[in-house]
Amino acid sequence: MLILSRKINEKLQIGDQITITIIEVKGDQVKLGIEAPSDVKVFRRELYDAIQEQNKLAAASGGIQLPSIDIAHKK
């Protein structure tokens, strides 16, 4: 893990496409601005973990079985 000290309005660069800016520091909270391409998903870690858990549960349950659609006979 890389640990850095930054001040308000200072930035971090991750690769060529992701920039993180320190927006505000208030008490024990830090506001970050994240600039990333639209195809890069950015989540809070607790939300990411919840999504991963739901995906595992859905995969384990086999999901919903939908009837097949026979499009060869449609006009």
Protein backbone atom coordinates (compact mmCIF):
# COMPACT_ATOMS: atom_id res chain seq x y z
CA MET A 1 0.00 0.00 0.00
CA LEU A 2 1.26 3.42 -0.97
CA ILE A 3 0.58 6.08 1.67
CA LEU A 4 0.76 9.73 0.64
CA SER A 5 0.10 13.08 2.29
CA ARG A 6 -1.84 15.59 0.18
CA LYS A 7 -3.28 19.04 0.81
CA ILE A 8 -6.54 20.53 -0.49
CA ASN A 9 -6.52 20.89 -4.30
CA GLU A 10 -3.52 18.59 -4.66
CA LYS A 11 -3.97 15.63 -6.97
CA LEU A 12 -2.99 12.02 -7.39
CA GLN A 13 -2.60 10.45 -10.82
CA ILE A 14 -3.35 6.75 -11.33
CA GLY A 15 -2.17 5.59 -14.72
CA ASP A 16 -2.92 7.89 -17.65
CA GLN A 17 -6.66 8.20 -17.17
CA ILE A 18 -7.55 8.55 -13.47
CA THR A 19 -6.99 11.70 -11.42
CA ILE A 20 -7.99 12.07 -7.77
CA THR A 21 -8.21 15.56 -6.28
CA ILE A 22 -8.44 16.39 -2.57
CA ILE A 23 -11.49 18.67 -2.42
CA GLU A 24 -12.02 19.22 1.31
CA VAL A 25 -10.78 18.02 4.68
CA LYS A 26 -13.17 18.49 7.59
CA GLY A 27 -12.43 16.70 10.87
CA ASP A 28 -11.96 13.03 10.08
CA GLN A 29 -13.64 13.25 6.65
CA VAL A 30 -11.96 13.83 3.31
CA LYS A 31 -13.85 14.74 0.13
CA LEU A 32 -12.28 13.42 -3.04
CA GLY A 33 -12.96 14.31 -6.66
CA ILE A 34 -12.35 11.45 -9.07
CA GLU A 35 -11.89 11.97 -12.80
CA ALA A 36 -12.00 8.73 -14.76
CA PRO A 37 -13.24 7.54 -18.15
CA SER A 38 -16.94 6.65 -18.23
CA ASP A 39 -16.12 2.97 -18.75
CA VAL A 40 -14.26 2.84 -15.41
CA LYS A 41 -16.64 2.07 -12.57
CA VAL A 42 -15.91 3.90 -9.31
CA PHE A 43 -17.57 2.63 -6.10
CA ARG A 44 -17.21 3.18 -2.39
CA ARG A 45 -15.58 -0.01 -1.08
CA GLU A 46 -18.53 -1.00 1.14
CA LEU A 47 -20.88 -0.73 -1.84
CA TYR A 48 -18.48 -2.69 -4.06
CA ASP A 49 -18.30 -5.47 -1.45
CA ALA A 50 -22.12 -5.60 -1.22
CA ILE A 51 -22.41 -5.85 -5.01
CA GLN A 52 -19.86 -8.67 -5.10
CA GLU A 53 -21.75 -10.56 -2.38
CA GLN A 54 -25.06 -10.19 -4.24
CA ASN A 55 -23.40 -11.41 -7.44
CA LYS A 56 -22.07 -14.49 -5.64
CA LEU A 57 -25.51 -15.24 -4.19
CA ALA A 58 -27.18 -14.82 -7.58
CA ALA A 59 -24.64 -17.09 -9.27
CA ALA A 60 -25.04 -19.75 -6.58
CA SER A 61 -28.84 -19.73 -6.86
CA GLY A 62 -28.75 -20.37 -10.60
CA GLY A 63 -30.76 -17.25 -11.30
CA ILE A 64 -34.22 -17.09 -12.84
CA GLN A 65 -35.01 -19.52 -15.62
CA LEU A 66 -36.67 -17.70 -18.52
CA PRO A 67 -38.47 -19.48 -21.35
CA SER A 68 -36.57 -19.55 -24.63
CA ILE A 69 -37.82 -17.38 -27.48
CA ASP A 70 -38.07 -18.99 -30.89
CA ILE A 71 -37.42 -16.07 -33.23
CA ALA A 72 -36.96 -18.25 -36.33
CA HIS A 73 -40.75 -18.55 -36.80
CA LYS A 74 -41.65 -14.90 -36.20
CA LYS A 75 -42.73 -12.79 -39.17
